[in-house]
PDB file of all heavy atoms in Angstrom:
ATOM      1  N   PRO A   1     -12.541   5.235  12.825  1.00  0.00           N
ATOM      2  CA  PRO A   1     -12.671   5.964  14.079  1.00  0.00           C
ATOM      3  C   PRO A   1     -13.843   6.934  14.115  1.00  0.00           C
ATOM      4  O   PRO A   1     -14.486   7.094  15.159  1.00  0.00           O
ATOM      5  CB  PRO A   1     -11.329   6.711  14.174  1.00  0.00           C
ATOM      6  CG  PRO A   1     -10.362   5.818  13.476  1.00  0.00           C
ATOM      7  CD  PRO A   1     -11.161   5.235  12.323  1.00  0.00           C
ATOM      8  N   VAL A   2     -14.144   7.585  12.995  1.00  0.00           N
ATOM      9  CA  VAL A   2     -15.296   8.491  12.974  1.00  0.00           C
ATOM     10  C   VAL A   2     -16.584   7.712  13.245  1.00  0.00           C
ATOM     11  O   VAL A   2     -17.426   8.128  14.047  1.00  0.00           O
ATOM     12  CB  VAL A   2     -15.381   9.231  11.623  1.00  0.00           C
ATOM     13  CG1 VAL A   2     -16.682  10.033  11.535  1.00  0.00           C
ATOM     14  CG2 VAL A   2     -14.192  10.167  11.447  1.00  0.00           C
ATOM     15  N   CYS A   3     -16.723   6.556  12.597  1.00  0.00           N
ATOM     16  CA  CYS A   3     -17.913   5.721  12.828  1.00  0.00           C
ATOM     17  C   CYS A   3     -17.966   5.228  14.269  1.00  0.00           C
ATOM     18  O   CYS A   3     -19.038   5.164  14.883  1.00  0.00           O
ATOM     19  CB  CYS A   3     -17.913   4.539  11.870  1.00  0.00           C
ATOM     20  SG  CYS A   3     -18.151   4.977  10.127  1.00  0.00           S
ATOM     21  N   LEU A   4     -16.805   4.858  14.824  1.00  0.00           N
ATOM     22  CA  LEU A   4     -16.764   4.398  16.217  1.00  0.00           C
ATOM     23  C   LEU A   4     -17.185   5.506  17.171  1.00  0.00           C
ATOM     24  O   LEU A   4     -17.893   5.255  18.158  1.00  0.00           O
ATOM     25  CB  LEU A   4     -15.363   3.907  16.565  1.00  0.00           C
ATOM     26  CG  LEU A   4     -14.943   2.567  15.953  1.00  0.00           C
ATOM     27  CD1 LEU A   4     -13.462   2.314  16.219  1.00  0.00           C
ATOM     28  CD2 LEU A   4     -15.775   1.424  16.524  1.00  0.00           C
ATOM     29  N   GLU A   5     -16.755   6.736  16.896  1.00  0.00           N
ATOM     30  CA  GLU A   5     -17.152   7.858  17.741  1.00  0.00           C
ATOM     31  C   GLU A   5     -18.668   8.041  17.719  1.00  0.00           C
ATOM     32  O   GLU A   5     -19.284   8.295  18.762  1.00  0.00           O
ATOM     33  CB  GLU A   5     -16.461   9.138  17.261  1.00  0.00           C
ATOM     34  CG  GLU A   5     -14.978   9.220  17.565  1.00  0.00           C
ATOM     35  CD  GLU A   5     -14.712   9.579  19.012  1.00  0.00           C
ATOM     36  OE1 GLU A   5     -14.612  10.772  19.327  1.00  0.00           O
ATOM     37  OE2 GLU A   5     -14.618   8.635  19.836  1.00  0.00           O
ATOM     38  N   VAL A   6     -19.264   7.911  16.554  1.00  0.00           N
ATOM     39  CA  VAL A   6     -20.719   8.044  16.454  1.00  0.00           C
ATOM     40  C   VAL A   6     -21.406   6.913  17.207  1.00  0.00           C
ATOM     41  O   VAL A   6     -22.373   7.128  17.947  1.00  0.00           O
ATOM     42  CB  VAL A   6     -21.164   8.070  14.981  1.00  0.00           C
ATOM     43  CG1 VAL A   6     -22.689   8.038  14.888  1.00  0.00           C
ATOM     44  CG2 VAL A   6     -20.614   9.295  14.268  1.00  0.00           C
ATOM     45  N   ALA A   7     -20.902   5.689  17.049  1.00  0.00           N
ATOM     46  CA  ALA A   7     -21.519   4.538  17.720  1.00  0.00           C
ATOM     47  C   ALA A   7     -21.440   4.663  19.231  1.00  0.00           C
ATOM     48  O   ALA A   7     -22.388   4.294  19.950  1.00  0.00           O
ATOM     49  CB  ALA A   7     -20.843   3.248  17.258  1.00  0.00           C
ATOM     50  N   HIS A   8     -20.315   5.153  19.744  1.00  0.00           N
ATOM     51  CA  HIS A   8     -20.173   5.308  21.194  1.00  0.00           C
ATOM     52  C   HIS A   8     -21.017   6.470  21.725  1.00  0.00           C
ATOM     53  O   HIS A   8     -21.524   6.402  22.852  1.00  0.00           O
ATOM     54  CB  HIS A   8     -18.704   5.531  21.551  1.00  0.00           C
ATOM     55  CG  HIS A   8     -17.904   4.273  21.621  1.00  0.00           C
ATOM     56  ND1 HIS A   8     -17.774   3.523  22.770  1.00  0.00           N
ATOM     57  CD2 HIS A   8     -17.190   3.620  20.665  1.00  0.00           C
ATOM     58  CE1 HIS A   8     -17.019   2.465  22.528  1.00  0.00           C
ATOM     59  NE2 HIS A   8     -16.652   2.500  21.264  1.00  0.00           N
ATOM     60  N   GLY A   9     -21.164   7.522  20.919  1.00  0.00           N
ATOM     61  CA  GLY A   9     -21.878   8.706  21.397  1.00  0.00           C
ATOM     62  C   GLY A   9     -23.365   8.691  21.125  1.00  0.00           C
ATOM     63  O   GLY A   9     -24.119   9.400  21.793  1.00  0.00           O
ATOM     64  N   ALA A  10     -23.799   7.907  20.131  1.00  0.00           N
ATOM     65  CA  ALA A  10     -25.225   7.886  19.761  1.00  0.00           C
ATOM     66  C   ALA A  10     -25.602   6.484  19.306  1.00  0.00           C
ATOM     67  O   ALA A  10     -25.993   6.277  18.158  1.00  0.00           O
ATOM     68  CB  ALA A  10     -25.496   8.915  18.667  1.00  0.00           C
ATOM     69  N   ARG A  11     -25.517   5.525  20.204  1.00  0.00           N
ATOM     70  CA  ARG A  11     -25.711   4.116  19.826  1.00  0.00           C
ATOM     71  C   ARG A  11     -27.104   3.835  19.304  1.00  0.00           C
ATOM     72  O   ARG A  11     -27.302   2.906  18.524  1.00  0.00           O
ATOM     73  CB  ARG A  11     -25.396   3.193  21.009  1.00  0.00           C
ATOM     74  CG  ARG A  11     -26.311   3.348  22.207  1.00  0.00           C
ATOM     75  CD  ARG A  11     -25.997   2.329  23.294  1.00  0.00           C
ATOM     76  NE  ARG A  11     -26.220   0.964  22.863  1.00  0.00           N
ATOM     77  CZ  ARG A  11     -26.012  -0.110  23.626  1.00  0.00           C
ATOM     78  NH1 ARG A  11     -25.538   0.043  24.855  1.00  0.00           N
ATOM     79  NH2 ARG A  11     -26.267  -1.321  23.184  1.00  0.00           N
ATOM     80  N   ASP A  12     -28.088   4.628  19.699  1.00  0.00           N
ATOM     81  CA  ASP A  12     -29.445   4.408  19.216  1.00  0.00           C
ATOM     82  C   ASP A  12     -29.602   4.752  17.739  1.00  0.00           C
ATOM     83  O   ASP A  12     -30.577   4.328  17.107  1.00  0.00           O
ATOM     84  CB  ASP A  12     -30.444   5.226  20.041  1.00  0.00           C
ATOM     85  CG  ASP A  12     -30.147   6.722  19.992  1.00  0.00           C
ATOM     86  OD1 ASP A  12     -28.960   7.081  20.130  1.00  0.00           O
ATOM     87  OD2 ASP A  12     -31.098   7.509  19.824  1.00  0.00           O
ATOM     88  N   ARG A  13     -28.623   5.466  17.176  1.00  0.00           N
ATOM     89  CA  ARG A  13     -28.681   5.838  15.761  1.00  0.00           C
ATOM     90  C   ARG A  13     -27.956   4.831  14.866  1.00  0.00           C
ATOM     91  O   ARG A  13     -28.026   4.937  13.643  1.00  0.00           O
ATOM     92  CB  ARG A  13     -28.033   7.217  15.551  1.00  0.00           C
ATOM     93  CG  ARG A  13     -28.580   8.334  16.398  1.00  0.00           C
ATOM     94  CD  ARG A  13     -29.986   8.688  16.011  1.00  0.00           C
ATOM     95  NE  ARG A  13     -30.094   9.143  14.630  1.00  0.00           N
ATOM     96  CZ  ARG A  13     -29.847  10.408  14.245  1.00  0.00           C
ATOM     97  NH1 ARG A  13     -29.495  11.322  15.151  1.00  0.00           N
ATOM     98  NH2 ARG A  13     -29.992  10.754  12.985  1.00  0.00           N
ATOM     99  N   VAL A  14     -27.238   3.883  15.486  1.00  0.00           N
ATOM    100  CA  VAL A  14     -26.348   3.004  14.726  1.00  0.00           C
ATOM    101  C   VAL A  14     -26.775   1.548  14.907  1.00  0.00           C
ATOM    102  O   VAL A  14     -26.729   1.003  16.011  1.00  0.00           O
ATOM    103  CB  VAL A  14     -24.881   3.184  15.167  1.00  0.00           C
ATOM    104  CG1 VAL A  14     -23.961   2.292  14.339  1.00  0.00           C
ATOM    105  CG2 VAL A  14     -24.458   4.645  15.030  1.00  0.00           C
ATOM    106  N   ALA A  15     -27.176   0.910  13.799  1.00  0.00           N
ATOM    107  CA  ALA A  15     -27.546  -0.506  13.841  1.00  0.00           C
ATOM    108  C   ALA A  15     -26.320  -1.408  13.806  1.00  0.00           C
ATOM    109  O   ALA A  15     -26.362  -2.548  14.277  1.00  0.00           O
ATOM    110  CB  ALA A  15     -28.467  -0.837  12.679  1.00  0.00           C
ATOM    111  N   GLY A  16     -25.225  -0.925  13.247  1.00  0.00           N
ATOM    112  CA  GLY A  16     -23.999  -1.704  13.161  1.00  0.00           C
ATOM    113  C   GLY A  16     -22.898  -0.872  12.538  1.00  0.00           C
ATOM    114  O   GLY A  16     -23.154   0.163  11.908  1.00  0.00           O
ATOM    115  N   VAL A  17     -21.664  -1.307  12.731  1.00  0.00           N
ATOM    116  CA  VAL A  17     -20.503  -0.598  12.201  1.00  0.00           C
ATOM    117  C   VAL A  17     -19.628  -1.580  11.434  1.00  0.00           C
ATOM    118  O   VAL A  17     -19.342  -2.682  11.924  1.00  0.00           O
ATOM    119  CB  VAL A  17     -19.678   0.067  13.320  1.00  0.00           C
ATOM    120  CG1 VAL A  17     -18.370   0.628  12.767  1.00  0.00           C
ATOM    121  CG2 VAL A  17     -20.464   1.171  13.999  1.00  0.00           C
ATOM    122  N   VAL A  18     -19.193  -1.170  10.240  1.00  0.00           N
ATOM    123  CA  VAL A  18     -18.227  -1.941   9.459  1.00  0.00           C
ATOM    124  C   VAL A  18     -16.947  -1.126   9.369  1.00  0.00           C
ATOM    125  O   VAL A  18     -16.957   0.019   8.899  1.00  0.00           O
ATOM    126  CB  VAL A  18     -18.749  -2.252   8.044  1.00  0.00           C
ATOM    127  CG1 VAL A  18     -17.686  -3.013   7.247  1.00  0.00           C
ATOM    128  CG2 VAL A  18     -20.045  -3.054   8.112  1.00  0.00           C
ATOM    129  N   LEU A  19     -15.855  -1.701   9.844  1.00  0.00           N
ATOM    130  CA  LEU A  19     -14.562  -1.029   9.853  1.00  0.00           C
ATOM    131  C   LEU A  19     -13.668  -1.692   8.811  1.00  0.00           C
ATOM    132  O   LEU A  19     -13.160  -2.789   9.028  1.00  0.00           O
ATOM    133  CB  LEU A  19     -13.926  -1.130  11.241  1.00  0.00           C
ATOM    134  CG  LEU A  19     -14.797  -0.661  12.419  1.00  0.00           C
ATOM    135  CD1 LEU A  19     -14.143  -1.035  13.732  1.00  0.00           C
ATOM    136  CD2 LEU A  19     -15.032   0.843  12.331  1.00  0.00           C
ATOM    137  N   ALA A  20     -13.498  -1.059   7.661  1.00  0.00           N
ATOM    138  CA  ALA A  20     -12.629  -1.572   6.608  1.00  0.00           C
ATOM    139  C   ALA A  20     -11.255  -0.925   6.763  1.00  0.00           C
ATOM    140  O   ALA A  20     -11.093   0.267   6.514  1.00  0.00           O
ATOM    141  CB  ALA A  20     -13.217  -1.264   5.237  1.00  0.00           C
ATOM    142  N   SER A  21     -10.275  -1.696   7.237  1.00  0.00           N
ATOM    143  CA  SER A  21      -8.929  -1.178   7.495  1.00  0.00           C
ATOM    144  C   SER A  21      -8.964   0.016   8.449  1.00  0.00           C
ATOM    145  O   SER A  21      -8.516   1.111   8.108  1.00  0.00           O
ATOM    146  CB  SER A  21      -8.243  -0.768   6.189  1.00  0.00           C
ATOM    147  OG  SER A  21      -8.262  -1.786   5.228  1.00  0.00           O
ATOM    148  N   PRO A  22      -9.508  -0.155   9.657  1.00  0.00           N
ATOM    149  CA  PRO A  22      -9.591   0.987  10.576  1.00  0.00           C
ATOM    150  C   PRO A  22      -8.209   1.445  11.028  1.00  0.00           C
ATOM    151  O   PRO A  22      -7.386   0.651  11.465  1.00  0.00           O
ATOM    152  CB  PRO A  22     -10.404   0.426  11.748  1.00  0.00           C
ATOM    153  CG  PRO A  22     -10.124  -1.051  11.718  1.00  0.00           C
ATOM    154  CD  PRO A  22      -9.979  -1.402  10.266  1.00  0.00           C
ATOM    155  N   ALA A  23      -7.935   2.737  10.904  1.00  0.00           N
ATOM    156  CA  ALA A  23      -6.628   3.279  11.270  1.00  0.00           C
ATOM    157  C   ALA A  23      -6.603   3.666  12.744  1.00  0.00           C
ATOM    158  O   ALA A  23      -7.631   3.759  13.411  1.00  0.00           O
ATOM    159  CB  ALA A  23      -6.303   4.481  10.395  1.00  0.00           C
ATOM    160  N   GLY A  24      -5.383   3.914  13.247  1.00  0.00           N
ATOM    161  CA  GLY A  24      -5.202   4.362  14.621  1.00  0.00           C
ATOM    162  C   GLY A  24      -4.775   3.246  15.545  1.00  0.00           C
ATOM    163  O   GLY A  24      -4.888   2.060  15.222  1.00  0.00           O
ATOM    164  N   GLY A  25      -4.244   3.626  16.688  1.00  0.00           N
ATOM    165  CA  GLY A  25      -3.839   2.639  17.678  1.00  0.00           C
ATOM    166  C   GLY A  25      -2.339   2.440  17.745  1.00  0.00           C
ATOM    167  O   GLY A  25      -1.555   3.075  17.029  1.00  0.00           O
ATOM    168  N   MET A  26      -1.911   1.528  18.623  1.00  0.00           N
ATOM    169  CA  MET A  26      -0.502   1.321  18.911  1.00  0.00           C
ATOM    170  C   MET A  26       0.300   0.913  17.687  1.00  0.00           C
ATOM    171  O   MET A  26       1.467   1.280  17.541  1.00  0.00           O
ATOM    172  CB  MET A  26      -0.344   0.257  20.006  1.00  0.00           C
ATOM    173  CG  MET A  26      -0.843   0.690  21.376  1.00  0.00           C
ATOM    174  SD  MET A  26       0.071   2.116  22.023  1.00  0.00           S
ATOM    175  CE  MET A  26       1.720   1.403  22.159  1.00  0.00           C
ATOM    176  N   HIS A  27      -0.296   0.154  16.775  1.00  0.00           N
ATOM    177  CA  HIS A  27       0.457  -0.317  15.607  1.00  0.00           C
ATOM    178  C   HIS A  27       0.886   0.835  14.709  1.00  0.00           C
ATOM    179  O   HIS A  27       1.846   0.703  13.942  1.00  0.00           O
ATOM    180  CB  HIS A  27      -0.386  -1.313  14.808  1.00  0.00           C
ATOM    181  CG  HIS A  27       0.330  -1.902  13.638  1.00  0.00           C
ATOM    182  ND1 HIS A  27       1.424  -2.738  13.775  1.00  0.00           N
ATOM    183  CD2 HIS A  27       0.124  -1.768  12.290  1.00  0.00           C
ATOM    184  CE1 HIS A  27       1.859  -3.091  12.573  1.00  0.00           C
ATOM    185  NE2 HIS A  27       1.090  -2.521  11.662  1.00  0.00           N
ATOM    186  N   ASN A  28       0.187   1.980  14.783  1.00  0.00           N
ATOM    187  CA  ASN A  28       0.531   3.141  13.963  1.00  0.00           C
ATOM    188  C   ASN A  28       1.343   4.185  14.714  1.00  0.00           C
ATOM    189  O   ASN A  28       1.512   5.304  14.218  1.00  0.00           O
ATOM    190  CB  ASN A  28      -0.757   3.796  13.430  1.00  0.00           C
ATOM    191  CG  ASN A  28      -1.579   2.878  12.552  1.00  0.00           C
ATOM    192  OD1 ASN A  28      -2.799   2.906  12.605  1.00  0.00           O
ATOM    193  ND2 ASN A  28      -0.936   2.040  11.747  1.00  0.00           N
ATOM    194  N   GLN A  29       1.844   3.854  15.886  1.00  0.00           N
ATOM    195  CA  GLN A  29       2.604   4.818  16.672  1.00  0.00           C
ATOM    196  C   GLN A  29       4.075   4.398  16.750  1.00  0.00           C
ATOM    197  O   GLN A  29       4.390   3.207  16.710  1.00  0.00           O
ATOM    198  CB  GLN A  29       2.008   4.920  18.082  1.00  0.00           C
ATOM    199  CG  GLN A  29       0.573   5.420  18.106  1.00  0.00           C
ATOM    200  CD  GLN A  29      -0.027   5.368  19.507  1.00  0.00           C
ATOM    201  OE1 GLN A  29       0.648   5.078  20.485  1.00  0.00           O
ATOM    202  NE2 GLN A  29      -1.316   5.640  19.598  1.00  0.00           N
ATOM    203  N   PRO A  30       4.985   5.405  16.844  1.00  0.00           N
ATOM    204  CA  PRO A  30       4.763   6.849  16.800  1.00  0.00           C
ATOM    205  C   PRO A  30       4.496   7.344  15.379  1.00  0.00           C
ATOM    206  O   PRO A  30       4.485   6.546  14.434  1.00  0.00           O
ATOM    207  CB  PRO A  30       6.086   7.414  17.335  1.00  0.00           C
ATOM    208  CG  PRO A  30       7.103   6.387  16.926  1.00  0.00           C
ATOM    209  CD  PRO A  30       6.404   5.056  17.028  1.00  0.00           C
ATOM    210  N   LEU A  31       4.306   8.650  15.232  1.00  0.00           N
ATOM    211  CA  LEU A  31       3.928   9.228  13.942  1.00  0.00           C
ATOM    212  C   LEU A  31       4.903   8.867  12.824  1.00  0.00           C
ATOM    213  O   LEU A  31       4.451   8.514  11.718  1.00  0.00           O
ATOM    214  CB  LEU A  31       3.784  10.744  14.070  1.00  0.00           C
ATOM    215  CG  LEU A  31       3.421  11.493  12.778  1.00  0.00           C
ATOM    216  CD1 LEU A  31       2.110  10.987  12.211  1.00  0.00           C
ATOM    217  CD2 LEU A  31       3.351  12.998  13.049  1.00  0.00           C
ATOM    218  N   PRO A  32       6.232   8.938  13.013  1.00  0.00           N
ATOM    219  CA  PRO A  32       7.130   8.564  11.908  1.00  0.00           C
ATOM    220  C   PRO A  32       6.904   7.133  11.417  1.00  0.00           C
ATOM    221  O   PRO A  32       6.993   6.867  10.210  1.00  0.00           O
ATOM    222  CB  PRO A  32       8.529   8.728  12.525  1.00  0.00           C
ATOM    223  CG  PRO A  32       8.346   9.768  13.582  1.00  0.00           C
ATOM    224  CD  PRO A  32       6.990   9.493  14.158  1.00  0.00           C
ATOM    225  N   ARG A  33       6.590   6.226  12.316  1.00  0.00           N
ATOM    226  CA  ARG A  33       6.308   4.853  11.913  1.00  0.00           C
ATOM    227  C   ARG A  33       5.069   4.798  11.034  1.00  0.00           C
ATOM    228  O   ARG A  33       5.047   4.104  10.006  1.00  0.00           O
ATOM    229  CB  ARG A  33       6.108   3.980  13.149  1.00  0.00           C
ATOM    230  CG  ARG A  33       5.761   2.527  12.849  1.00  0.00           C
ATOM    231  CD  ARG A  33       5.501   1.763  14.135  1.00  0.00           C
ATOM    232  NE  ARG A  33       5.238   0.352  13.876  1.00  0.00           N
ATOM    233  CZ  ARG A  33       4.920  -0.530  14.819  1.00  0.00           C
ATOM    234  NH1 ARG A  33       4.856  -0.139  16.095  1.00  0.00           N
ATOM    235  NH2 ARG A  33       4.694  -1.796  14.511  1.00  0.00           N
ATOM    236  N   ALA A  34       4.040   5.559  11.412  1.00  0.00           N
ATOM    237  CA  ALA A  34       2.808   5.578  10.626  1.00  0.00           C
ATOM    238  C   ALA A  34       3.050   6.169   9.235  1.00  0.00           C
ATOM    239  O   ALA A  34       2.474   5.711   8.248  1.00  0.00           O
ATOM    240  CB  ALA A  34       1.734   6.369  11.363  1.00  0.00           C
ATOM    241  N   LEU A  35       3.905   7.186   9.150  1.00  0.00           N
ATOM    242  CA  LEU A  35       4.205   7.782   7.851  1.00  0.00           C
ATOM    243  C   LEU A  35       4.917   6.792   6.942  1.00  0.00           C
ATOM    244  O   LEU A  35       4.668   6.751   5.728  1.00  0.00           O
ATOM    245  CB  LEU A  35       5.039   9.047   8.044  1.00  0.00           C
ATOM    246  CG  LEU A  35       4.316  10.227   8.720  1.00  0.00           C
ATOM    247  CD1 LEU A  35       5.294  11.356   9.008  1.00  0.00           C
ATOM    248  CD2 LEU A  35       3.164  10.717   7.850  1.00  0.00           C
ATOM    249  N   VAL A  36       5.819   5.987   7.514  1.00  0.00           N
ATOM    250  CA  VAL A  36       6.495   4.946   6.733  1.00  0.00           C
ATOM    251  C   VAL A  36       5.484   3.906   6.264  1.00  0.00           C
ATOM    252  O   VAL A  36       5.511   3.456   5.109  1.00  0.00           O
ATOM    253  CB  VAL A  36       7.616   4.292   7.558  1.00  0.00           C
ATOM    254  CG1 VAL A  36       8.173   3.060   6.842  1.00  0.00           C
ATOM    255  CG2 VAL A  36       8.738   5.287   7.824  1.00  0.00           C
ATOM    256  N   GLN A  37       4.574   3.514   7.147  1.00  0.00           N
ATOM    257  CA  GLN A  37       3.532   2.553   6.767  1.00  0.00           C
ATOM    258  C   GLN A  37       2.681   3.097   5.625  1.00  0.00           C
ATOM    259  O   GLN A  37       2.352   2.369   4.674  1.00  0.00           O
ATOM    260  CB  GLN A  37       2.646   2.238   7.979  1.00  0.00           C
ATOM    261  CG  GLN A  37       3.356   1.491   9.097  1.00  0.00           C
ATOM    262  CD  GLN A  37       2.520   1.442  10.373  1.00  0.00           C
ATOM    263  OE1 GLN A  37       1.620   2.256  10.570  1.00  0.00           O
ATOM    264  NE2 GLN A  37       2.832   0.501  11.235  1.00  0.00           N
TER     265      GLN A  37
END
């Protein structure tokens, strides 16, 4: 997500993004479910 924020906010600085196991999103919600994961 940090890399995605940079890519969306400053795309001219980013040639590409590699997301290795990117966290966040519906699969990790709600918080107790994410803690179990």
